[in-house]
Amino acid sequence: MMRQVTATHYVEPLHHGGSVPGVVEADDLGTYVVKFTGSAQGRKALVAEVIVGRLARELGLRVPELVVVRFDPSIGEGEPHQEVRDLLNASAGLNLGMDYLPGAADFTPEVARTFPVDPGEAGRIVWLDALTANVDRTVHSSNLMVWPTFGAVPPRLWLIDHGAALVFHHRWDTSAPEKAYDFRHHALGHSTPDVRAADAELAPKVTDELLRAVVTEVPDAWLTGEPGFAGPDELRAAYADYLSARVKASARWLPTDFPSREELAAEEERRAARSRRGRPAWLKQVPDLHGRPPAEQDWSVHLE
């Protein structure tokens, strides 16, 4: 079971993405990145984080430790931004914490050029994302971190931010378990991911017993009030049954078509040309930043 800790000090918000997670210190002397129940994504994002994160760890992939964080909004009274204080005030009770990785670097396309990923590991990550319908791990927003970036220990790839996964739980009655999703722009598509080997290795490990154990980790408070379900246990069973049916249908959704860098660049140029078409002449020289990530600190110098 996930450990429960109590937040004792609110450090700062992380202004990236739409959820505005915060860094907190807890009574176990740990530091955690906390995703709050009061965020725009709501409780389902936390449910996805737990199920996908715990499943990833059980399959041998690196995900920072997840904990349940008891949060009292009073510890954030010094936060100067009103919108962040509103978020904290709406998040009293149980929230989700992820072990903070100090100095971790975002796995950007620039970092990827000097940090090759083994095809086997790439295949396992892509396979997990395909199983859990995590379409948010793209070349422009990888939701992958490289850590540690200093010291004698070799840097490794870590999986974060799974709140957008399990897209089927937003419309339970319209998404078939065998549905295939588009992973052509996956962040590791350039790493020659061996998804067939991953399927042969991982599919037998995703047993009904494992799925039941994983969904049990989700707190009742995040599963109450779901339309069409009598209560948390019935909803947990629905998650386990859906993923069980999906893993059995892996031949239907296994992604194998990954365009080369050159093909992706050509697609980007065609898209940019469409965007420029029809603009007034003075706008045609403005750089096209559509779909690009925000500027970030370049840690790649520490990864060579």
Protein backbone atom coordinates (compact mmCIF):
# COMPACT_ATOMS: atom_id res chain seq x y z
CA MET A 1 0.00 0.00 0.00
CA MET A 2 1.08 3.58 -0.59
CA ARG A 3 2.41 5.31 2.48
CA GLN A 4 0.54 8.25 3.95
CA VAL A 5 2.41 11.35 5.05
CA THR A 6 1.34 14.74 6.35
CA ALA A 7 2.51 17.92 4.66
CA THR A 8 4.26 20.20 7.14
CA HIS A 9 5.59 22.97 4.91
CA TYR A 10 4.47 24.33 1.55
CA VAL A 11 7.60 25.25 -0.44
CA GLU A 12 6.48 26.58 -3.81
CA PRO A 13 4.15 25.94 -6.75
CA LEU A 14 5.47 24.46 -9.98
CA HIS A 15 4.09 26.60 -12.78
CA HIS A 16 4.01 24.08 -15.59
CA GLY A 17 1.07 22.34 -17.18
CA GLY A 18 -2.48 22.98 -16.10
CA SER A 19 -2.53 21.31 -12.68
CA VAL A 20 -0.04 23.62 -10.85
CA PRO A 21 1.44 20.98 -8.54
CA GLY A 22 3.33 22.16 -5.48
CA VAL A 23 6.50 21.17 -3.69
CA VAL A 24 5.93 20.29 -0.04
CA GLU A 25 7.93 18.93 2.85
CA ALA A 26 6.31 16.22 4.98
CA ASP A 27 6.51 14.75 8.44
CA ASP A 28 8.69 11.87 7.20
CA LEU A 29 11.36 14.48 6.28
CA GLY A 30 10.71 13.81 2.59
CA THR A 31 10.12 16.36 -0.15
CA TYR A 32 7.30 15.68 -2.60
CA VAL A 33 5.70 17.14 -5.70
CA VAL A 34 2.01 17.16 -4.83
CA LYS A 35 -0.88 17.06 -7.26
CA PHE A 36 -3.98 18.53 -5.67
CA THR A 37 -7.56 17.32 -5.73
CA GLY A 38 -8.72 20.90 -6.29
CA SER A 39 -6.94 21.25 -9.63
CA ALA A 40 -8.82 21.65 -12.90
CA GLN A 41 -8.08 18.02 -13.81
CA GLY A 42 -9.88 16.80 -10.71
CA ARG A 43 -9.67 13.48 -8.91
CA LYS A 44 -9.56 11.34 -12.05
CA ALA A 45 -6.09 12.64 -12.82
CA LEU A 46 -4.94 11.39 -9.41
CA VAL A 47 -6.61 8.02 -10.01
CA ALA A 48 -4.72 7.70 -13.29
CA GLU A 49 -1.46 8.70 -11.60
CA VAL A 50 -1.85 5.96 -9.00
CA ILE A 51 -2.95 3.15 -11.32
CA VAL A 52 -0.40 3.83 -14.06
CA GLY A 53 2.42 4.72 -11.67
CA ARG A 54 1.94 1.65 -9.51
CA LEU A 55 1.56 -0.60 -12.55
CA ALA A 56 4.77 0.84 -14.03
CA ARG A 57 6.71 0.14 -10.83
CA GLU A 58 5.39 -3.42 -10.67
CA LEU A 59 6.62 -3.93 -14.25
CA GLY A 60 10.10 -2.71 -13.41
CA LEU A 61 9.93 0.82 -14.83
CA ARG A 62 11.27 3.79 -12.88
CA VAL A 63 8.57 6.00 -11.36
CA PRO A 64 9.26 8.20 -8.30
CA GLU A 65 7.65 6.81 -5.16
CA LEU A 66 4.00 7.77 -4.81
CA VAL A 67 2.51 8.68 -1.43
CA VAL A 68 -0.83 9.91 -0.17
CA VAL A 69 -0.34 13.38 1.31
CA ARG A 70 -2.63 14.76 4.00
CA PHE A 71 -2.76 18.48 3.32
CA ASP A 72 -3.96 21.35 5.49
CA PRO A 73 -4.37 24.51 3.38
CA SER A 74 -3.27 26.65 6.31
CA ILE A 75 0.37 25.78 5.63
CA GLY A 76 0.09 27.61 2.32
CA GLU A 77 -1.25 30.88 3.71
CA GLY A 78 1.93 32.68 2.69
CA GLU A 79 1.48 31.88 -1.00
CA PRO A 80 1.30 35.27 -2.78
CA HIS A 81 -0.70 34.20 -5.83
CA GLN A 82 -4.46 34.19 -5.30
CA GLU A 83 -5.15 31.46 -7.89
CA VAL A 84 -2.67 29.15 -6.18
CA ARG A 85 -4.17 29.89 -2.74
CA ASP A 86 -7.60 29.08 -4.16
CA LEU A 87 -6.23 25.74 -5.37
CA LEU A 88 -4.72 24.96 -1.97
CA ASN A 89 -7.91 25.94 -0.15
CA ALA A 90 -9.89 23.56 -2.39
CA SER A 91 -7.53 20.66 -1.66
CA ALA A 92 -7.87 19.96 2.05
CA GLY A 93 -7.54 16.27 2.85
CA LEU A 94 -5.88 13.56 0.79
CA ASN A 95 -3.76 14.48 -2.21
CA LEU A 96 -1.11 12.67 -4.25
CA GLY A 97 2.61 13.14 -3.73
CA MET A 98 5.50 12.05 -5.91
CA ASP A 99 9.05 11.86 -4.58
CA TYR A 100 10.91 15.01 -5.61
CA LEU A 101 13.94 14.36 -7.85
CA PRO A 102 16.33 17.28 -7.21
CA GLY A 103 18.09 18.52 -10.32
CA ALA A 104 16.19 16.22 -12.68
CA ALA A 105 16.25 17.25 -16.34
CA ASP A 106 13.32 17.16 -18.72
CA PHE A 107 13.79 14.61 -21.51
CA THR A 108 13.53 17.14 -24.32
CA PRO A 109 14.32 16.45 -27.99
CA GLU A 110 17.66 18.21 -27.40
CA VAL A 111 18.50 15.96 -24.44
CA ALA A 112 17.34 12.90 -26.41
CA ARG A 113 20.08 13.51 -29.00
CA THR A 114 22.80 12.90 -26.40
CA PHE A 115 20.92 10.48 -24.15
CA PRO A 116 20.12 7.38 -26.16
CA VAL A 117 17.48 5.03 -24.75
CA ASP A 118 17.83 1.28 -25.13
CA PRO A 119 15.21 -0.14 -27.58
CA GLY A 120 14.12 -2.61 -24.92
CA GLU A 121 13.42 0.07 -22.32
CA ALA A 122 11.82 2.29 -24.94
CA GLY A 123 9.58 -0.59 -25.98
CA ARG A 124 8.46 -1.27 -22.41
CA ILE A 125 7.56 2.39 -21.85
CA VAL A 126 5.65 2.64 -25.14
CA TRP A 127 3.86 -0.62 -24.35
CA LEU A 128 2.77 0.63 -20.93
CA ASP A 129 1.53 3.88 -22.46
CA ALA A 130 -0.42 1.99 -25.11
CA LEU A 131 -1.97 -0.32 -22.50
CA THR A 132 -3.04 2.57 -20.28
CA ALA A 133 -4.09 4.86 -23.16
CA ASN A 134 -1.51 7.45 -22.14
CA VAL A 135 -1.42 9.61 -25.27
CA ASP A 136 0.31 12.50 -23.49
CA ARG A 137 3.95 11.32 -23.72
CA THR A 138 4.92 13.06 -26.97
CA VAL A 139 8.06 14.50 -28.53
CA HIS A 140 6.97 17.98 -27.43
CA SER A 141 5.94 16.99 -23.89
CA SER A 142 7.68 13.77 -22.93
CA ASN A 143 6.66 13.51 -19.26
CA LEU A 144 10.02 11.83 -18.82
CA MET A 145 12.86 12.98 -16.59
CA VAL A 146 16.56 12.19 -16.59
CA TRP A 147 17.95 11.74 -13.07
CA PRO A 148 20.37 12.00 -11.36
CA THR A 149 22.18 14.66 -13.36
CA PHE A 150 25.16 15.09 -11.02
CA GLY A 151 27.55 12.72 -9.29
CA ALA A 152 28.97 9.31 -10.06
CA VAL A 153 25.65 7.47 -10.48
CA PRO A 154 24.66 7.12 -14.15
CA PRO A 155 21.54 9.10 -15.10
CA ARG A 156 18.40 7.08 -15.77
CA LEU A 157 15.03 7.69 -17.37
CA TRP A 158 12.08 8.25 -14.99
CA LEU A 159 8.38 8.29 -15.84
CA ILE A 160 6.20 11.10 -14.45
CA ASP A 161 2.82 12.78 -15.03
CA HIS A 162 0.29 10.07 -15.88
CA GLY A 163 -2.79 12.13 -15.06
CA ALA A 164 -3.90 12.21 -18.70
CA ALA A 165 -3.80 8.42 -19.05
CA LEU A 166 -6.80 6.06 -18.79
CA VAL A 167 -8.76 8.27 -21.18
CA PHE A 168 -11.53 5.66 -21.19
CA HIS A 169 -12.59 6.60 -17.64
CA HIS A 170 -13.95 9.89 -18.94
CA ARG A 171 -16.50 8.02 -21.10
CA TRP A 172 -16.85 4.50 -19.77
CA ASP A 173 -19.63 3.49 -22.16
CA THR A 174 -18.03 4.52 -25.46
CA SER A 175 -14.42 3.24 -25.40
CA ALA A 176 -13.74 -0.38 -26.37
CA PRO A 177 -10.83 -2.11 -24.57
CA GLU A 178 -9.24 -3.13 -27.89
CA LYS A 179 -9.14 0.45 -29.22
CA ALA A 180 -5.84 1.51 -30.82
CA TYR A 181 -4.49 5.01 -30.18
CA ASP A 182 -2.08 7.11 -32.24
CA PHE A 183 1.45 6.83 -30.83
CA ARG A 184 3.33 7.97 -33.93
CA HIS A 185 4.58 11.06 -32.07
CA HIS A 186 5.60 9.22 -28.90
CA ALA A 187 8.61 10.73 -27.12
CA LEU A 188 10.56 7.47 -27.60
CA GLY A 189 9.50 6.76 -31.15
CA HIS A 190 13.02 7.64 -32.32
CA SER A 191 14.60 5.08 -29.99
CA THR A 192 13.58 2.07 -32.10
CA PRO A 193 11.20 0.81 -29.38
CA ASP A 194 10.93 -2.96 -29.39
CA VAL A 195 7.24 -3.10 -28.52
CA ARG A 196 6.80 -6.71 -29.67
CA ALA A 197 9.43 -7.91 -27.22
CA ALA A 198 7.81 -5.74 -24.54
CA ASP A 199 4.42 -7.29 -25.26
CA ALA A 200 5.84 -10.79 -24.94
CA GLU A 201 7.56 -9.87 -21.66
CA LEU A 202 5.01 -7.67 -19.94
CA ALA A 203 1.58 -8.87 -21.02
CA PRO A 204 1.82 -12.14 -19.04
CA LYS A 205 2.78 -10.12 -15.93
CA VAL A 206 -0.36 -7.97 -16.02
CA THR A 207 -2.55 -10.53 -14.31
CA ASP A 208 -5.99 -10.01 -12.84
CA GLU A 209 -4.42 -10.41 -9.40
CA LEU A 210 -1.90 -7.63 -10.12
CA LEU A 211 -4.58 -5.30 -11.46
CA ARG A 212 -6.78 -5.84 -8.41
CA ALA A 213 -3.81 -5.06 -6.16
CA VAL A 214 -2.99 -1.89 -8.10
CA VAL A 215 -6.52 -0.44 -8.08
CA THR A 216 -6.80 -1.13 -4.37
CA GLU A 217 -4.14 1.56 -3.87
CA VAL A 218 -6.57 4.31 -4.94
CA PRO A 219 -8.15 6.00 -1.90
CA ASP A 220 -11.94 5.73 -1.56
CA ALA A 221 -12.21 9.53 -1.46
CA TRP A 222 -11.10 9.77 -5.10
CA LEU A 223 -13.58 7.14 -6.30
CA THR A 224 -16.84 8.29 -4.75
CA GLY A 225 -19.68 9.83 -6.69
CA GLU A 226 -18.85 8.38 -10.12
CA PRO A 227 -22.10 8.20 -12.14
CA GLY A 228 -23.15 4.64 -12.96
CA PHE A 229 -21.22 2.99 -10.11
CA ALA A 230 -22.52 2.01 -6.70
CA GLY A 231 -19.31 2.88 -4.89
CA PRO A 232 -15.50 2.75 -4.85
CA ASP A 233 -15.23 -1.05 -4.94
CA GLU A 234 -17.44 -1.34 -8.02
CA LEU A 235 -15.41 1.37 -9.74
CA ARG A 236 -12.13 -0.33 -8.83
CA ALA A 237 -13.45 -3.54 -10.38
CA ALA A 238 -14.32 -1.63 -13.56
CA TYR A 239 -10.76 -0.34 -13.89
CA ALA A 240 -9.29 -3.79 -13.31
CA ASP A 241 -11.72 -5.49 -15.72
CA TYR A 242 -11.13 -2.91 -18.44
CA LEU A 243 -7.33 -3.16 -18.26
CA SER A 244 -7.55 -6.96 -18.07
CA ALA A 245 -9.59 -7.04 -21.27
CA ARG A 246 -7.23 -4.55 -22.88
CA VAL A 247 -4.06 -6.48 -22.15
CA LYS A 248 -5.66 -9.61 -23.64
CA ALA A 249 -6.32 -7.64 -26.83
CA SER A 250 -2.78 -6.27 -27.19
CA ALA A 251 -2.46 -7.57 -30.74
CA ARG A 252 -5.17 -5.06 -31.72
CA TRP A 253 -3.56 -1.95 -30.23
CA LEU A 254 0.18 -2.64 -30.25
CA PRO A 255 1.85 0.44 -31.80
CA THR A 256 4.58 -0.35 -34.33
CA ASP A 257 4.53 2.58 -36.78
CA PHE A 258 6.97 5.29 -35.69
CA PRO A 259 8.02 7.94 -38.23
CA SER A 260 11.66 8.94 -38.53
CA ARG A 261 12.93 12.33 -37.42
CA GLU A 262 13.02 13.37 -41.05
CA GLU A 263 9.40 12.33 -41.59
CA LEU A 264 8.31 14.18 -38.46
CA ALA A 265 10.23 17.28 -39.57
CA ALA A 266 8.48 17.12 -42.95
CA GLU A 267 5.10 16.83 -41.19
CA GLU A 268 5.94 19.84 -39.04
CA GLU A 269 6.93 21.86 -42.10
CA ARG A 270 3.70 20.99 -43.89
CA ARG A 271 1.72 21.96 -40.80
CA ALA A 272 3.65 25.22 -40.47
CA ALA A 273 3.05 25.99 -44.13
CA ARG A 274 -0.69 25.50 -43.63
CA SER A 275 -0.58 27.84 -40.64
CA ARG A 276 1.27 30.51 -42.61
CA ARG A 277 -1.07 30.26 -45.57
CA GLY A 278 -3.53 33.11 -45.50
CA ARG A 279 -1.58 35.21 -43.02
CA PRO A 280 -0.85 38.81 -43.98
CA ALA A 281 2.66 39.30 -45.34
CA TRP A 282 3.95 40.94 -42.15
CA LEU A 283 2.96 37.86 -40.12
CA LYS A 284 4.55 35.27 -42.37
CA GLN A 285 7.99 35.97 -40.91
CA VAL A 286 6.87 35.38 -37.30
CA PRO A 287 8.36 32.12 -35.97
CA ASP A 288 5.76 29.35 -35.69
CA LEU A 289 5.81 28.15 -32.09
CA HIS A 290 2.65 26.05 -32.24
CA GLY A 291 3.08 22.84 -30.29
CA ARG A 292 6.51 23.79 -28.99
CA PRO A 293 7.31 23.39 -25.31
CA PRO A 294 8.19 26.45 -23.22
CA ALA A 295 11.83 27.41 -22.83
CA GLU A 296 13.49 25.35 -20.13
CA GLN A 297 16.86 25.23 -18.47
CA ASP A 298 19.28 23.16 -20.51
CA TRP A 299 20.66 20.38 -18.34
CA SER A 300 22.03 18.35 -21.26
CA VAL A 301 25.56 19.57 -20.57
CA HIS A 302 25.52 17.41 -17.43
CA LEU A 303 24.37 14.29 -19.27
CA GLU A 304 27.24 13.72 -21.69
